Amino acid sequence: MHHRTTSTIVLTALALLALPGCSTSPAPAKTSGSDSSAPQPDDKGDAKQSAVPMSSAQLRERLLDVDDLGTGYTRKPERPAGNNDDVTVLGCPALDELGADAATGSGGGLDFPRRAKASFAHSSGAEVTEELYNDTGSKLSDGTGRIFDAMTGCPAYQVLAGSTPVDITTQEVPAPQFGDERWSHLLTFSSGGAETVVKQTAIRDGSVLLIVSGSLALVDRHLRAALTKATAVG
């Protein structure tokens, strides 16, 4: 169930690692974890959204675009379906199990059929990706919680992106107090002597799940606007 999300983040990180002078500052000192331990959700949160499920096309209309982001951004082309690079997880059985589920299931990623995604590059070389999903609150909560728990449950592991080994460490960080549930962590990628840090924050608001990943500064800058547009009424 996690394979596609892992693949996307790893490939983005490898692209950043390849940029000259792109080694980032060390991650902040570890703080208390995300608010995934907040009161347990139930389907009552779905009342915040339309009783009629949103289609993937409707979700795409709620994604941020370059006009929302500001100057210096360009939208990256989508990767063709079925063109995911092979990513193998080593040293984290929980993540490996989720990847195996994806390989034999729906093809990877969060297993919600109604989804939309957009990735953007900034002129500074930083990148940010937004994903939207629509399902019942309980399904979004269970699926997202399993993935984030698996990732933060393995503080250090390795993946093979094709034949390239990448060492990854994970660190739970507090998430902004938005929505009904939220998760956030930092992933530090090391390969070939270079290092980069990617932030990933997920917010569930009723029956909509928002995930923003990429440069720490860009995730923090655009998260609120992304949630506002994603959960707009009408």
Protein backbone atom coordinates (compact mmCIF):
# COMPACT_ATOMS: atom_id res chain seq x y z
CA MET A 1 0.00 0.00 0.00
CA HIS A 2 2.95 2.32 0.53
CA HIS A 3 5.19 1.49 -2.42
CA ARG A 4 4.09 4.32 -4.71
CA THR A 5 4.35 7.03 -2.06
CA THR A 6 7.80 5.78 -1.03
CA SER A 7 8.90 5.69 -4.67
CA THR A 8 7.77 9.27 -5.31
CA ILE A 9 9.57 10.66 -2.29
CA VAL A 10 12.75 8.69 -2.96
CA LEU A 11 12.91 9.77 -6.60
CA THR A 12 12.35 13.41 -5.63
CA ALA A 13 15.07 13.17 -3.03
CA LEU A 14 17.49 11.60 -5.51
CA ALA A 15 16.83 14.44 -7.94
CA LEU A 16 17.58 16.96 -5.19
CA LEU A 17 20.71 15.09 -4.15
CA ALA A 18 21.96 15.33 -7.73
CA LEU A 19 21.79 19.14 -7.75
CA PRO A 20 25.13 20.92 -7.18
CA GLY A 21 25.45 22.30 -3.68
CA CYS A 22 22.14 20.84 -2.60
CA SER A 23 23.28 19.30 0.67
CA THR A 24 20.92 20.64 3.28
CA SER A 25 21.35 21.77 6.85
CA PRO A 26 20.96 19.14 9.55
CA ALA A 27 17.41 18.35 10.58
CA PRO A 28 16.10 20.13 13.69
CA ALA A 29 16.55 18.47 17.04
CA LYS A 30 13.92 15.86 17.66
CA THR A 31 10.77 17.14 19.29
CA SER A 32 7.55 15.54 20.40
CA GLY A 33 5.70 13.53 17.79
CA SER A 34 2.83 14.42 15.52
CA ASP A 35 -0.72 14.68 16.73
CA SER A 36 -1.79 11.28 15.43
CA SER A 37 -2.56 10.47 19.08
CA ALA A 38 -5.38 13.04 19.07
CA PRO A 39 -8.92 11.81 19.86
CA GLN A 40 -9.82 8.88 17.69
CA PRO A 41 -11.73 9.87 14.55
CA ASP A 42 -14.97 8.44 13.31
CA ASP A 43 -17.16 8.95 10.29
CA LYS A 44 -18.88 11.93 11.91
CA GLY A 45 -16.04 14.01 10.49
CA ASP A 46 -17.32 13.22 7.01
CA ALA A 47 -20.20 15.64 7.56
CA LYS A 48 -17.75 18.46 6.90
CA GLN A 49 -17.66 17.40 3.26
CA SER A 50 -20.36 16.74 0.73
CA ALA A 51 -22.30 13.52 1.27
CA VAL A 52 -21.59 12.78 -2.41
CA PRO A 53 -18.03 11.47 -2.89
CA MET A 54 -15.78 13.70 -4.96
CA SER A 55 -14.36 12.26 -8.16
CA SER A 56 -10.67 12.41 -9.04
CA ALA A 57 -11.54 15.16 -11.54
CA GLN A 58 -13.17 17.21 -8.78
CA LEU A 59 -10.16 16.68 -6.54
CA ARG A 60 -7.84 17.89 -9.31
CA GLU A 61 -9.77 21.17 -9.39
CA ARG A 62 -8.96 21.62 -5.69
CA LEU A 63 -5.20 21.23 -6.11
CA LEU A 64 -3.00 24.30 -5.86
CA ASP A 65 -1.76 25.68 -9.18
CA VAL A 66 1.10 28.00 -10.11
CA ASP A 67 -1.14 31.04 -9.65
CA ASP A 68 -1.81 29.98 -6.06
CA LEU A 69 1.86 29.33 -5.32
CA GLY A 70 3.31 32.61 -6.60
CA THR A 71 6.30 33.50 -8.75
CA GLY A 72 9.11 31.12 -9.53
CA TYR A 73 7.04 27.92 -9.73
CA THR A 74 6.50 25.59 -12.66
CA ARG A 75 4.34 22.50 -12.68
CA LYS A 76 6.22 19.27 -13.28
CA PRO A 77 4.82 16.78 -15.82
CA GLU A 78 3.13 13.75 -14.35
CA ARG A 79 4.97 10.47 -14.46
CA PRO A 80 3.25 8.11 -16.93
CA ALA A 81 1.11 5.45 -15.34
CA GLY A 82 2.92 2.15 -15.00
CA ASN A 83 6.31 3.87 -15.17
CA ASN A 84 7.18 3.71 -11.48
CA ASP A 85 10.81 2.93 -10.73
CA ASP A 86 11.41 -0.20 -8.71
CA VAL A 87 11.96 0.64 -5.05
CA THR A 88 12.97 -2.08 -2.59
CA VAL A 89 12.83 -1.47 1.18
CA LEU A 90 15.58 -2.96 3.34
CA GLY A 91 15.75 -3.00 7.13
CA CYS A 92 12.12 -2.11 7.83
CA PRO A 93 9.77 -5.13 7.69
CA ALA A 94 6.67 -2.99 8.32
CA LEU A 95 7.36 -0.83 5.27
CA ASP A 96 8.41 -3.83 3.23
CA GLU A 97 5.08 -5.48 4.03
CA LEU A 98 3.15 -2.41 2.91
CA GLY A 99 5.18 -2.36 -0.29
CA ALA A 100 4.40 -6.00 -0.95
CA ASP A 101 0.71 -5.27 -0.47
CA ALA A 102 0.98 -2.52 -3.06
CA ALA A 103 2.77 -4.73 -5.54
CA THR A 104 -0.03 -7.28 -5.45
CA GLY A 105 -2.90 -4.84 -5.01
CA SER A 106 -3.90 -1.62 -6.70
CA GLY A 107 -0.44 -0.61 -7.84
CA GLY A 108 0.79 1.29 -4.82
CA GLY A 109 0.31 4.49 -2.93
CA LEU A 110 -2.53 5.13 -0.56
CA ASP A 111 -5.23 2.72 -1.64
CA PHE A 112 -8.01 5.25 -2.20
CA PRO A 113 -9.52 5.29 -5.71
CA ARG A 114 -10.42 9.00 -5.71
CA ARG A 115 -7.15 10.88 -5.83
CA ALA A 116 -5.31 13.79 -7.44
CA LYS A 117 -1.71 14.91 -7.43
CA ALA A 118 0.46 17.80 -8.61
CA SER A 119 4.19 18.45 -8.28
CA PHE A 120 5.95 21.79 -8.65
CA ALA A 121 9.55 22.92 -9.00
CA HIS A 122 10.73 26.29 -7.71
CA SER A 123 13.41 28.38 -9.37
CA SER A 124 15.54 27.89 -6.22
CA GLY A 125 15.75 24.17 -7.00
CA ALA A 126 13.32 23.16 -4.26
CA GLU A 127 10.24 21.07 -4.99
CA VAL A 128 6.82 20.52 -3.44
CA THR A 129 4.14 17.89 -4.15
CA GLU A 130 0.48 17.96 -3.19
CA GLU A 131 -1.78 14.89 -3.03
CA LEU A 132 -5.52 14.80 -2.34
CA TYR A 133 -7.68 11.79 -1.48
CA ASN A 134 -11.38 11.40 -0.78
CA ASP A 135 -12.99 8.57 1.21
CA THR A 136 -14.72 8.06 4.54
CA GLY A 137 -12.95 9.61 7.49
CA SER A 138 -12.30 6.24 9.11
CA LYS A 139 -10.71 4.75 5.99
CA LEU A 140 -8.50 7.79 5.44
CA SER A 141 -7.47 7.72 9.10
CA ASP A 142 -6.65 4.01 9.17
CA GLY A 143 -4.72 3.99 5.91
CA THR A 144 -2.68 7.10 6.61
CA GLY A 145 -1.98 6.15 10.20
CA ARG A 146 -0.63 2.74 9.17
CA ILE A 147 1.83 4.29 6.73
CA PHE A 148 3.10 7.04 9.02
CA ASP A 149 3.37 4.63 11.95
CA ALA A 150 5.39 2.24 9.80
CA MET A 151 7.74 4.97 8.61
CA THR A 152 8.37 6.52 12.01
CA GLY A 153 8.56 3.06 13.57
CA CYS A 154 11.77 2.48 11.58
CA PRO A 155 14.07 5.39 12.48
CA ALA A 156 16.68 4.18 9.99
CA TYR A 157 16.41 1.94 6.94
CA GLN A 158 17.62 1.71 3.35
CA VAL A 159 15.92 1.56 -0.01
CA LEU A 160 17.21 0.53 -3.40
CA ALA A 161 15.88 2.89 -6.08
CA GLY A 162 16.72 0.75 -9.09
CA SER A 163 20.34 -0.09 -8.27
CA THR A 164 20.99 3.06 -6.20
CA PRO A 165 21.15 2.55 -2.42
CA VAL A 166 19.65 5.37 -0.35
CA ASP A 167 19.94 5.53 3.45
CA ILE A 168 16.88 7.06 5.12
CA THR A 169 16.26 8.24 8.65
CA THR A 170 12.84 9.39 9.87
CA GLN A 171 11.90 11.86 12.57
CA GLU A 172 8.40 12.63 13.79
CA VAL A 173 7.70 16.35 14.19
CA PRO A 174 4.65 18.30 15.39
CA ALA A 175 2.06 19.06 12.73
CA PRO A 176 0.03 22.28 12.58
CA GLN A 177 -3.28 22.06 14.39
CA PHE A 178 -5.38 21.88 11.24
CA GLY A 179 -8.23 19.50 10.42
CA ASP A 180 -9.41 16.50 12.42
CA GLU A 181 -6.12 14.56 12.33
CA ARG A 182 -2.62 15.34 11.31
CA TRP A 183 0.73 13.59 10.87
CA SER A 184 4.15 15.00 10.02
CA HIS A 185 7.70 13.77 9.75
CA LEU A 186 11.08 14.57 8.27
CA LEU A 187 12.93 12.09 6.08
CA THR A 188 16.68 12.51 5.67
CA PHE A 189 18.03 10.90 2.49
CA SER A 190 21.75 10.11 2.14
CA SER A 191 23.32 8.77 -1.04
CA GLY A 192 26.73 9.14 -2.62
CA GLY A 193 27.95 11.48 0.11
CA ALA A 194 25.08 13.95 -0.37
CA GLU A 195 22.18 14.53 1.97
CA THR A 196 18.77 16.17 1.73
CA VAL A 197 15.79 16.49 4.05
CA VAL A 198 12.19 16.13 2.88
CA LYS A 199 9.18 17.07 4.98
CA GLN A 200 5.86 15.26 4.62
CA THR A 201 2.72 16.49 6.34
CA ALA A 202 -0.73 14.90 6.10
CA ILE A 203 -3.97 16.54 7.24
CA ARG A 204 -7.33 14.77 7.35
CA ASP A 205 -10.31 17.08 7.37
CA GLY A 206 -13.54 15.11 7.28
CA SER A 207 -13.51 12.97 4.16
CA VAL A 208 -10.57 14.76 2.51
CA LEU A 209 -6.94 13.84 3.04
CA LEU A 210 -4.21 16.30 2.05
CA ILE A 211 -0.53 15.33 1.87
CA VAL A 212 2.15 17.91 1.11
CA SER A 213 5.74 16.75 0.64
CA GLY A 214 9.00 18.41 -0.32
CA SER A 215 11.30 21.17 0.88
CA LEU A 216 10.70 22.06 4.53
CA ALA A 217 10.18 25.75 3.73
CA LEU A 218 7.78 25.09 0.84
CA VAL A 219 5.68 22.58 2.77
CA ASP A 220 5.27 25.00 5.66
CA ARG A 221 4.59 27.93 3.32
CA HIS A 222 1.82 26.32 1.30
CA LEU A 223 0.14 23.85 3.65
CA ARG A 224 -2.60 26.17 4.92
CA ALA A 225 -3.51 27.42 1.44
CA ALA A 226 -3.60 23.86 0.13
CA LEU A 227 -5.97 22.76 2.91
CA THR A 228 -8.21 25.81 2.45
CA LYS A 229 -8.62 25.12 -1.28
CA ALA A 230 -8.98 21.36 -0.80
CA THR A 231 -11.80 21.70 1.73
CA ALA A 232 -13.64 24.68 0.22
CA VAL A 233 -17.42 24.26 0.25
CA GLY A 234 -19.13 24.11 -3.13
